[in-house]
């Protein structure tokens, strides 16, 4: 997959700011357009996965995800806070998705919250690396 020059520069900016490489891979199983797992601790790289969208190049999805990392790492380390998956949030979403009072279409659409890691709470006790 060849990225545009602009997208490559954005990815390079993430790598410069974080001092870690960004590994980009296609993932047909994603329920969202793209998802970035930011490297923490001693993880060697950031993992950015994107869902192929036919003939649409993934550059916009990749740049969008990188933008969150750039904004996070432009803050001084003591001011960085990251979102993390919250078990309580996952339980609540599971309960909602299994509630028969909700129409099946609503339950199906809600699954992306669990798949994409979007059930998150701001965790000030877990600063971003």
C-alpha atoms as a PDB file:
ATOM      1  CA  UNK A   1       0.000   0.000   0.000  1.00  0.00           C
ATOM      2  CA  UNK A   2       1.460   3.311  -1.078  1.00  0.00           C
ATOM      3  CA  UNK A   3       0.514   6.350   0.944  1.00  0.00           C
ATOM      4  CA  UNK A   4       0.428   9.874  -0.404  1.00  0.00           C
ATOM      5  CA  UNK A   5       3.391  12.102   0.445  1.00  0.00           C
ATOM      6  CA  UNK A   6       1.252  14.135   2.842  1.00  0.00           C
ATOM      7  CA  UNK A   7       0.132  11.042   4.751  1.00  0.00           C
ATOM      8  CA  UNK A   8       3.706   9.769   4.916  1.00  0.00           C
ATOM      9  CA  UNK A   9       4.768  13.089   6.479  1.00  0.00           C
ATOM     10  CA  UNK A  10       1.990  12.805   9.063  1.00  0.00           C
ATOM     11  CA  UNK A  11       3.078   9.263   9.966  1.00  0.00           C
ATOM     12  CA  UNK A  12       6.707  10.454  10.176  1.00  0.00           C
ATOM     13  CA  UNK A  13       5.606  13.228  12.539  1.00  0.00           C
ATOM     14  CA  UNK A  14       4.040  10.638  14.856  1.00  0.00           C
ATOM     15  CA  UNK A  15       7.249   8.606  14.735  1.00  0.00           C
ATOM     16  CA  UNK A  16       9.406  11.663  15.505  1.00  0.00           C
ATOM     17  CA  UNK A  17       7.219  12.834  18.391  1.00  0.00           C
ATOM     18  CA  UNK A  18       6.851   9.413  19.988  1.00  0.00           C
ATOM     19  CA  UNK A  19      10.240   7.964  19.038  1.00  0.00           C
ATOM     20  CA  UNK A  20       8.498   4.770  17.912  1.00  0.00           C
ATOM     21  CA  UNK A  21       7.581   3.458  14.477  1.00  0.00           C
ATOM     22  CA  UNK A  22       4.014   3.193  13.215  1.00  0.00           C
ATOM     23  CA  UNK A  23       3.101  -0.172  11.720  1.00  0.00           C
ATOM     24  CA  UNK A  24       0.154   0.117   9.323  1.00  0.00           C
ATOM     25  CA  UNK A  25      -1.836  -2.910   8.274  1.00  0.00           C
ATOM     26  CA  UNK A  26      -5.048  -3.698   6.476  1.00  0.00           C
ATOM     27  CA  UNK A  27      -7.672  -5.491   8.564  1.00  0.00           C
ATOM     28  CA  UNK A  28     -10.894  -6.686   6.921  1.00  0.00           C
ATOM     29  CA  UNK A  29     -12.343  -7.673  10.292  1.00  0.00           C
ATOM     30  CA  UNK A  30     -12.473  -4.131  11.715  1.00  0.00           C
ATOM     31  CA  UNK A  31     -15.946  -2.801  12.459  1.00  0.00           C
ATOM     32  CA  UNK A  32     -14.628   0.782  12.245  1.00  0.00           C
ATOM     33  CA  UNK A  33     -12.702   2.508   9.447  1.00  0.00           C
ATOM     34  CA  UNK A  34      -9.412   2.643  11.351  1.00  0.00           C
ATOM     35  CA  UNK A  35      -8.036   2.021  14.813  1.00  0.00           C
ATOM     36  CA  UNK A  36      -4.708   3.061  16.341  1.00  0.00           C
ATOM     37  CA  UNK A  37      -3.192   1.202  19.277  1.00  0.00           C
ATOM     38  CA  UNK A  38      -0.697   3.628  20.765  1.00  0.00           C
ATOM     39  CA  UNK A  39       2.476   1.983  22.059  1.00  0.00           C
ATOM     40  CA  UNK A  40       2.766   2.101  25.836  1.00  0.00           C
ATOM     41  CA  UNK A  41       5.510   1.056  28.190  1.00  0.00           C
ATOM     42  CA  UNK A  42       8.101  -1.001  26.369  1.00  0.00           C
ATOM     43  CA  UNK A  43       5.914  -1.752  23.324  1.00  0.00           C
ATOM     44  CA  UNK A  44       8.157  -1.302  20.285  1.00  0.00           C
ATOM     45  CA  UNK A  45       5.618   0.290  17.919  1.00  0.00           C
ATOM     46  CA  UNK A  46       2.211   1.819  17.347  1.00  0.00           C
ATOM     47  CA  UNK A  47      -0.247  -0.387  15.479  1.00  0.00           C
ATOM     48  CA  UNK A  48      -2.596   1.334  13.048  1.00  0.00           C
ATOM     49  CA  UNK A  49      -5.137  -0.935  11.394  1.00  0.00           C
ATOM     50  CA  UNK A  50      -7.582   0.170   8.728  1.00  0.00           C
ATOM     51  CA  UNK A  51     -10.508  -1.435   6.984  1.00  0.00           C
ATOM     52  CA  UNK A  52     -10.165  -1.481   3.195  1.00  0.00           C
ATOM     53  CA  UNK A  53     -12.864   0.668   1.579  1.00  0.00           C
ATOM     54  CA  UNK A  54     -12.943  -0.520  -2.021  1.00  0.00           C
ATOM     55  CA  UNK A  55     -11.109   1.916  -4.253  1.00  0.00           C
ATOM     56  CA  UNK A  56     -10.951   4.607  -1.560  1.00  0.00           C
ATOM     57  CA  UNK A  57      -7.338   5.001  -0.412  1.00  0.00           C
ATOM     58  CA  UNK A  58      -6.860   4.694   3.370  1.00  0.00           C
ATOM     59  CA  UNK A  59      -4.908   7.948   3.687  1.00  0.00           C
ATOM     60  CA  UNK A  60      -7.710   9.965   5.297  1.00  0.00           C
ATOM     61  CA  UNK A  61      -8.369   7.261   7.880  1.00  0.00           C
ATOM     62  CA  UNK A  62      -4.667   6.940   8.665  1.00  0.00           C
ATOM     63  CA  UNK A  63      -4.107  10.693   8.934  1.00  0.00           C
ATOM     64  CA  UNK A  64      -7.154  11.049  11.185  1.00  0.00           C
ATOM     65  CA  UNK A  65      -5.866   8.420  13.622  1.00  0.00           C
ATOM     66  CA  UNK A  66      -2.368   9.915  13.598  1.00  0.00           C
ATOM     67  CA  UNK A  67      -3.831  13.316  14.449  1.00  0.00           C
ATOM     68  CA  UNK A  68      -4.944  12.057  17.856  1.00  0.00           C
ATOM     69  CA  UNK A  69      -1.445  10.791  18.632  1.00  0.00           C
ATOM     70  CA  UNK A  70       0.178  14.032  17.459  1.00  0.00           C
ATOM     71  CA  UNK A  71      -2.130  16.100  19.647  1.00  0.00           C
ATOM     72  CA  UNK A  72      -1.476  13.832  22.636  1.00  0.00           C
ATOM     73  CA  UNK A  73       2.311  13.894  22.302  1.00  0.00           C
ATOM     74  CA  UNK A  74       2.541  17.632  21.682  1.00  0.00           C
ATOM     75  CA  UNK A  75       1.443  18.093  25.275  1.00  0.00           C
ATOM     76  CA  UNK A  76       4.151  17.958  27.929  1.00  0.00           C
ATOM     77  CA  UNK A  77       4.425  14.446  29.446  1.00  0.00           C
ATOM     78  CA  UNK A  78       2.952  15.527  32.780  1.00  0.00           C
ATOM     79  CA  UNK A  79      -0.143  16.860  30.975  1.00  0.00           C
ATOM     80  CA  UNK A  80      -0.817  13.787  28.818  1.00  0.00           C
ATOM     81  CA  UNK A  81      -3.807  11.663  29.606  1.00  0.00           C
ATOM     82  CA  UNK A  82      -5.000   8.771  27.525  1.00  0.00           C
ATOM     83  CA  UNK A  83      -8.299   7.018  27.113  1.00  0.00           C
ATOM     84  CA  UNK A  84      -8.352   3.380  27.983  1.00  0.00           C
ATOM     85  CA  UNK A  85     -10.918   0.643  27.734  1.00  0.00           C
ATOM     86  CA  UNK A  86     -12.980   0.397  30.863  1.00  0.00           C
ATOM     87  CA  UNK A  87     -14.352  -3.015  31.965  1.00  0.00           C
ATOM     88  CA  UNK A  88     -17.381  -1.403  33.580  1.00  0.00           C
ATOM     89  CA  UNK A  89     -18.181   0.406  30.323  1.00  0.00           C
ATOM     90  CA  UNK A  90     -17.878  -2.843  28.393  1.00  0.00           C
ATOM     91  CA  UNK A  91     -20.270  -4.572  30.805  1.00  0.00           C
ATOM     92  CA  UNK A  92     -22.804  -1.772  30.434  1.00  0.00           C
ATOM     93  CA  UNK A  93     -22.577  -1.889  26.637  1.00  0.00           C
ATOM     94  CA  UNK A  94     -22.974  -5.690  26.708  1.00  0.00           C
ATOM     95  CA  UNK A  95     -26.049  -5.331  28.922  1.00  0.00           C
ATOM     96  CA  UNK A  96     -27.547  -2.758  26.569  1.00  0.00           C
ATOM     97  CA  UNK A  97     -26.783  -4.848  23.501  1.00  0.00           C
ATOM     98  CA  UNK A  98     -28.431  -7.917  24.991  1.00  0.00           C
ATOM     99  CA  UNK A  99     -31.568  -6.069  26.131  1.00  0.00           C
ATOM    100  CA  UNK A 100     -34.453  -7.371  23.955  1.00  0.00           C
ATOM    101  CA  UNK A 101     -36.306  -4.051  24.344  1.00  0.00           C
ATOM    102  CA  UNK A 102     -33.823  -2.507  21.895  1.00  0.00           C
ATOM    103  CA  UNK A 103     -34.383  -3.222  18.214  1.00  0.00           C
ATOM    104  CA  UNK A 104     -31.887  -5.607  16.567  1.00  0.00           C
ATOM    105  CA  UNK A 105     -30.577  -2.819  14.311  1.00  0.00           C
ATOM    106  CA  UNK A 106     -29.594  -0.746  17.349  1.00  0.00           C
ATOM    107  CA  UNK A 107     -27.913  -3.743  18.977  1.00  0.00           C
ATOM    108  CA  UNK A 108     -25.963  -4.490  15.789  1.00  0.00           C
ATOM    109  CA  UNK A 109     -24.754  -0.897  15.433  1.00  0.00           C
ATOM    110  CA  UNK A 110     -23.630  -0.834  19.044  1.00  0.00           C
ATOM    111  CA  UNK A 111     -21.212  -3.710  18.549  1.00  0.00           C
ATOM    112  CA  UNK A 112     -18.640  -1.364  17.004  1.00  0.00           C
ATOM    113  CA  UNK A 113     -18.269   0.253  20.428  1.00  0.00           C
ATOM    114  CA  UNK A 114     -16.880  -2.982  21.749  1.00  0.00           C
ATOM    115  CA  UNK A 115     -14.892  -3.909  18.656  1.00  0.00           C
ATOM    116  CA  UNK A 116     -13.238  -0.531  18.176  1.00  0.00           C
ATOM    117  CA  UNK A 117     -12.239   0.022  21.769  1.00  0.00           C
ATOM    118  CA  UNK A 118     -14.430   3.104  21.979  1.00  0.00           C
ATOM    119  CA  UNK A 119     -15.870   2.328  25.405  1.00  0.00           C
ATOM    120  CA  UNK A 120     -13.392   4.411  27.280  1.00  0.00           C
ATOM    121  CA  UNK A 121     -13.039   6.623  30.298  1.00  0.00           C
ATOM    122  CA  UNK A 122     -10.477   9.298  30.907  1.00  0.00           C
ATOM    123  CA  UNK A 123      -7.928   7.793  33.228  1.00  0.00           C
ATOM    124  CA  UNK A 124      -5.649  10.382  34.852  1.00  0.00           C
ATOM    125  CA  UNK A 125      -3.855   7.612  36.768  1.00  0.00           C
ATOM    126  CA  UNK A 126      -2.606   6.194  33.486  1.00  0.00           C
ATOM    127  CA  UNK A 127      -0.599   8.890  31.772  1.00  0.00           C
ATOM    128  CA  UNK A 128       0.281   8.293  28.148  1.00  0.00           C
ATOM    129  CA  UNK A 129       3.918   7.331  27.641  1.00  0.00           C
END
